[in-house]
Amino acid sequence: MYHPGIVMQIFSPGGKSVRSSDTSTQVLLQMWDDNIQTVGIDQRLATEAQPGDVVLVDYTQNNPRIAVKIVRGNEAKKLWEAYKKYYEV
């Protein structure tokens, strides 16, 4: 199961204001249901993510929640609106 979120901020180990004990990257997300959470992002996507991107977060039970896809453009808009419409009903 996956849930979409919009990237608000990125915390990479090389960031000016970040001190890190490892090489992982995290993203602060606004989720479709208006929750805010910070999750890891797959290292293969970490350098590609930008604030405003829509990402899909893996919500599979027993796994850490990790952003595994970046969705941009019209596809991102349609994905976000589908979830928001459901929540606002």
N, C-alpha and C. Protein backbone atom coordinates (compact mmCIF):
# COMPACT_ATOMS: atom_id res chain seq x y z
N MET A 1 0.85 -1.17 0.00
CA MET A 1 0.00 0.00 0.00
C MET A 1 0.90 1.23 0.00
N TYR A 2 0.52 2.22 -0.79
CA TYR A 2 1.31 3.44 -0.93
C TYR A 2 0.41 4.65 -0.70
N HIS A 3 0.99 5.71 -0.12
CA HIS A 3 0.28 6.96 0.09
C HIS A 3 1.12 8.10 -0.48
N PRO A 4 0.47 9.11 -1.12
CA PRO A 4 1.22 10.23 -1.67
C PRO A 4 1.44 11.33 -0.63
N GLY A 5 2.55 12.00 -0.79
CA GLY A 5 2.87 13.16 0.02
C GLY A 5 3.62 14.18 -0.82
N ILE A 6 3.54 15.45 -0.43
CA ILE A 6 4.27 16.51 -1.11
C ILE A 6 5.52 16.84 -0.29
N VAL A 7 6.66 16.86 -0.96
CA VAL A 7 7.93 17.16 -0.29
C VAL A 7 7.93 18.63 0.12
N MET A 8 8.12 18.86 1.41
CA MET A 8 8.20 20.22 1.93
C MET A 8 9.66 20.62 2.18
N GLN A 9 10.46 19.66 2.63
CA GLN A 9 11.85 19.94 2.99
C GLN A 9 12.65 18.65 2.87
N ILE A 10 13.94 18.78 2.57
CA ILE A 10 14.82 17.63 2.40
C ILE A 10 15.97 17.74 3.39
N PHE A 11 16.26 16.64 4.06
CA PHE A 11 17.35 16.60 5.04
C PHE A 11 18.40 15.60 4.56
N SER A 12 19.41 16.11 3.86
CA SER A 12 20.46 15.24 3.34
C SER A 12 21.69 15.36 4.23
N PRO A 13 22.51 14.30 4.29
CA PRO A 13 23.65 14.32 5.20
C PRO A 13 24.66 15.41 4.87
N GLY A 14 24.67 15.90 3.65
CA GLY A 14 25.61 16.96 3.28
C GLY A 14 25.03 18.36 3.38
N GLY A 15 23.79 18.48 3.89
CA GLY A 15 23.15 19.78 3.99
C GLY A 15 23.87 20.71 4.96
N LYS A 16 23.86 22.02 4.66
CA LYS A 16 24.55 23.00 5.50
C LYS A 16 24.09 22.98 6.95
N SER A 17 22.80 22.81 7.17
CA SER A 17 22.24 22.87 8.53
C SER A 17 22.00 21.50 9.13
N VAL A 18 22.54 20.46 8.51
CA VAL A 18 22.30 19.09 8.96
C VAL A 18 23.61 18.45 9.39
N ARG A 19 23.60 17.84 10.54
CA ARG A 19 24.72 16.99 10.99
C ARG A 19 24.16 15.59 11.05
N SER A 20 24.85 14.64 10.45
CA SER A 20 24.30 13.31 10.29
C SER A 20 25.26 12.24 10.78
N SER A 21 24.69 11.19 11.36
CA SER A 21 25.50 10.05 11.79
C SER A 21 25.57 8.98 10.71
N ASP A 22 24.83 9.18 9.61
CA ASP A 22 24.82 8.19 8.52
C ASP A 22 24.68 8.90 7.18
N THR A 23 24.49 8.15 6.13
CA THR A 23 24.40 8.73 4.79
C THR A 23 22.97 8.77 4.24
N SER A 24 21.99 8.50 5.10
CA SER A 24 20.61 8.48 4.63
C SER A 24 20.04 9.89 4.49
N THR A 25 18.99 10.01 3.68
CA THR A 25 18.30 11.28 3.46
C THR A 25 16.84 11.11 3.87
N GLN A 26 16.29 12.13 4.52
CA GLN A 26 14.89 12.13 4.92
C GLN A 26 14.18 13.30 4.25
N VAL A 27 12.84 13.16 4.11
CA VAL A 27 12.02 14.23 3.55
C VAL A 27 10.86 14.52 4.49
N LEU A 28 10.58 15.80 4.68
CA LEU A 28 9.41 16.24 5.43
C LEU A 28 8.27 16.32 4.42
N LEU A 29 7.16 15.63 4.72
CA LEU A 29 6.05 15.53 3.77
C LEU A 29 4.76 16.05 4.36
N GLN A 30 3.98 16.71 3.51
CA GLN A 30 2.57 16.97 3.81
C GLN A 30 1.82 15.84 3.12
N MET A 31 1.13 15.03 3.91
CA MET A 31 0.42 13.89 3.35
C MET A 31 -0.95 14.33 2.84
N TRP A 32 -1.56 13.50 2.04
CA TRP A 32 -2.85 13.80 1.41
C TRP A 32 -3.95 14.07 2.43
N ASP A 33 -3.83 13.51 3.64
CA ASP A 33 -4.86 13.70 4.68
C ASP A 33 -4.47 14.81 5.66
N ASP A 34 -3.55 15.68 5.24
CA ASP A 34 -3.09 16.84 5.99
C ASP A 34 -2.19 16.51 7.17
N ASN A 35 -1.80 15.25 7.34
CA ASN A 35 -0.77 14.92 8.32
C ASN A 35 0.58 15.39 7.78
N ILE A 36 1.50 15.63 8.70
CA ILE A 36 2.88 15.96 8.32
C ILE A 36 3.76 14.90 8.95
N GLN A 37 4.68 14.35 8.15
CA GLN A 37 5.59 13.35 8.70
C GLN A 37 6.92 13.41 7.96
N THR A 38 7.93 12.90 8.62
CA THR A 38 9.26 12.80 8.03
C THR A 38 9.57 11.33 7.82
N VAL A 39 9.94 10.99 6.59
CA VAL A 39 10.27 9.60 6.25
C VAL A 39 11.59 9.59 5.49
N GLY A 40 12.20 8.41 5.45
CA GLY A 40 13.38 8.25 4.62
C GLY A 40 12.99 8.25 3.15
N ILE A 41 13.95 8.55 2.30
CA ILE A 41 13.74 8.44 0.85
C ILE A 41 14.81 7.52 0.30
N ASP A 42 14.41 6.66 -0.60
CA ASP A 42 15.35 5.71 -1.20
C ASP A 42 16.57 6.47 -1.71
N GLN A 43 17.75 5.97 -1.41
CA GLN A 43 18.99 6.66 -1.78
C GLN A 43 19.11 6.89 -3.28
N ARG A 44 18.48 6.05 -4.09
CA ARG A 44 18.54 6.24 -5.55
C ARG A 44 17.71 7.45 -5.99
N LEU A 45 16.83 7.95 -5.12
CA LEU A 45 15.99 9.10 -5.44
C LEU A 45 16.40 10.36 -4.68
N ALA A 46 17.23 10.20 -3.67
CA ALA A 46 17.53 11.29 -2.75
C ALA A 46 18.05 12.54 -3.45
N THR A 47 18.89 12.39 -4.46
CA THR A 47 19.45 13.57 -5.14
C THR A 47 18.49 14.15 -6.17
N GLU A 48 17.43 13.43 -6.50
CA GLU A 48 16.45 13.90 -7.49
C GLU A 48 15.29 14.67 -6.87
N ALA A 49 14.98 14.39 -5.61
CA ALA A 49 13.81 14.98 -4.95
C ALA A 49 13.99 16.49 -4.78
N GLN A 50 12.89 17.21 -4.96
CA GLN A 50 12.86 18.66 -4.79
C GLN A 50 11.61 19.04 -4.02
N PRO A 51 11.66 20.14 -3.25
CA PRO A 51 10.43 20.61 -2.61
C PRO A 51 9.34 20.81 -3.66
N GLY A 52 8.14 20.38 -3.33
CA GLY A 52 7.01 20.47 -4.26
C GLY A 52 6.75 19.18 -5.01
N ASP A 53 7.71 18.27 -5.04
CA ASP A 53 7.49 16.97 -5.69
C ASP A 53 6.46 16.17 -4.91
N VAL A 54 5.70 15.38 -5.63
CA VAL A 54 4.81 14.40 -5.01
C VAL A 54 5.57 13.08 -4.99
N VAL A 55 5.61 12.43 -3.83
CA VAL A 55 6.27 11.14 -3.71
C VAL A 55 5.27 10.10 -3.23
N LEU A 56 5.52 8.86 -3.57
CA LEU A 56 4.73 7.75 -3.06
C LEU A 56 5.52 7.09 -1.93
N VAL A 57 4.87 6.95 -0.78
CA VAL A 57 5.51 6.37 0.40
C VAL A 57 4.99 4.96 0.60
N ASP A 58 5.90 4.02 0.77
CA ASP A 58 5.56 2.62 0.99
C ASP A 58 5.04 2.45 2.41
N TYR A 59 3.77 2.10 2.54
CA TYR A 59 3.12 1.89 3.83
C TYR A 59 2.95 0.41 4.14
N THR A 60 3.70 -0.45 3.46
CA THR A 60 3.60 -1.88 3.71
C THR A 60 3.87 -2.17 5.18
N GLN A 61 3.02 -2.97 5.78
CA GLN A 61 3.16 -3.28 7.19
C GLN A 61 4.52 -3.93 7.46
N ASN A 62 5.11 -3.59 8.58
CA ASN A 62 6.39 -4.13 9.06
C ASN A 62 7.61 -3.60 8.33
N ASN A 63 7.46 -2.70 7.40
CA ASN A 63 8.61 -2.09 6.74
C ASN A 63 8.71 -0.64 7.15
N PRO A 64 9.91 -0.09 7.12
CA PRO A 64 10.00 1.36 7.37
C PRO A 64 9.31 2.10 6.23
N ARG A 65 8.74 3.23 6.53
CA ARG A 65 8.08 4.04 5.49
C ARG A 65 9.15 4.80 4.72
N ILE A 66 9.25 4.51 3.44
CA ILE A 66 10.28 5.09 2.59
C ILE A 66 9.63 5.59 1.31
N ALA A 67 9.99 6.81 0.91
CA ALA A 67 9.53 7.33 -0.38
C ALA A 67 10.24 6.56 -1.48
N VAL A 68 9.46 5.94 -2.36
CA VAL A 68 10.04 5.06 -3.38
C VAL A 68 9.83 5.57 -4.80
N LYS A 69 9.00 6.59 -5.00
CA LYS A 69 8.74 7.14 -6.32
C LYS A 69 8.60 8.66 -6.22
N ILE A 70 9.05 9.36 -7.25
CA ILE A 70 8.78 10.78 -7.41
C ILE A 70 7.83 10.91 -8.59
N VAL A 71 6.74 11.63 -8.39
CA VAL A 71 5.76 11.83 -9.45
C VAL A 71 5.66 13.33 -9.71
N ARG A 72 5.80 13.73 -10.96
CA ARG A 72 5.78 15.16 -11.29
C ARG A 72 4.73 15.45 -12.35
N GLY A 73 4.47 16.73 -12.55
CA GLY A 73 3.61 17.18 -13.64
C GLY A 73 2.15 16.81 -13.46
N ASN A 74 1.48 16.54 -14.57
CA ASN A 74 0.06 16.26 -14.57
C ASN A 74 -0.27 15.00 -13.76
N GLU A 75 0.60 14.00 -13.83
CA GLU A 75 0.36 12.77 -13.07
C GLU A 75 0.35 13.06 -11.57
N ALA A 76 1.27 13.91 -11.11
CA ALA A 76 1.32 14.27 -9.70
C ALA A 76 0.04 15.01 -9.29
N LYS A 77 -0.40 15.92 -10.13
CA LYS A 77 -1.61 16.69 -9.83
C LYS A 77 -2.83 15.77 -9.73
N LYS A 78 -2.98 14.85 -10.68
CA LYS A 78 -4.11 13.93 -10.66
C LYS A 78 -4.07 13.02 -9.43
N LEU A 79 -2.89 12.53 -9.10
CA LEU A 79 -2.73 11.66 -7.93
C LEU A 79 -3.12 12.40 -6.66
N TRP A 80 -2.59 13.61 -6.49
CA TRP A 80 -2.86 14.41 -5.29
C TRP A 80 -4.34 14.73 -5.18
N GLU A 81 -4.95 15.16 -6.27
CA GLU A 81 -6.37 15.53 -6.25
C GLU A 81 -7.27 14.34 -5.95
N ALA A 82 -6.91 13.16 -6.43
CA ALA A 82 -7.72 11.97 -6.16
C ALA A 82 -7.77 11.67 -4.67
N TYR A 83 -6.64 11.75 -4.00
CA TYR A 83 -6.61 11.50 -2.56
C TYR A 83 -7.30 12.61 -1.78
N LYS A 84 -7.03 13.86 -2.14
CA LYS A 84 -7.64 14.99 -1.42
C LYS A 84 -9.15 14.97 -1.57
N LYS A 85 -9.66 14.64 -2.75
CA LYS A 85 -11.09 14.59 -2.98
C LYS A 85 -11.72 13.54 -2.06
N TYR A 86 -11.09 12.41 -1.92
CA TYR A 86 -11.60 11.34 -1.06
C TYR A 86 -11.64 11.81 0.40
N TYR A 87 -10.60 12.50 0.85
CA TYR A 87 -10.49 12.96 2.23
C TYR A 87 -11.53 14.03 2.55
N GLU A 88 -11.83 14.89 1.60
CA GLU A 88 -12.72 16.03 1.83
C GLU A 88 -14.19 15.67 1.76
N VAL A 89 -14.51 14.44 1.38
CA VAL A 89 -15.93 14.02 1.28
C VAL A 89 -16.51 13.84 2.66
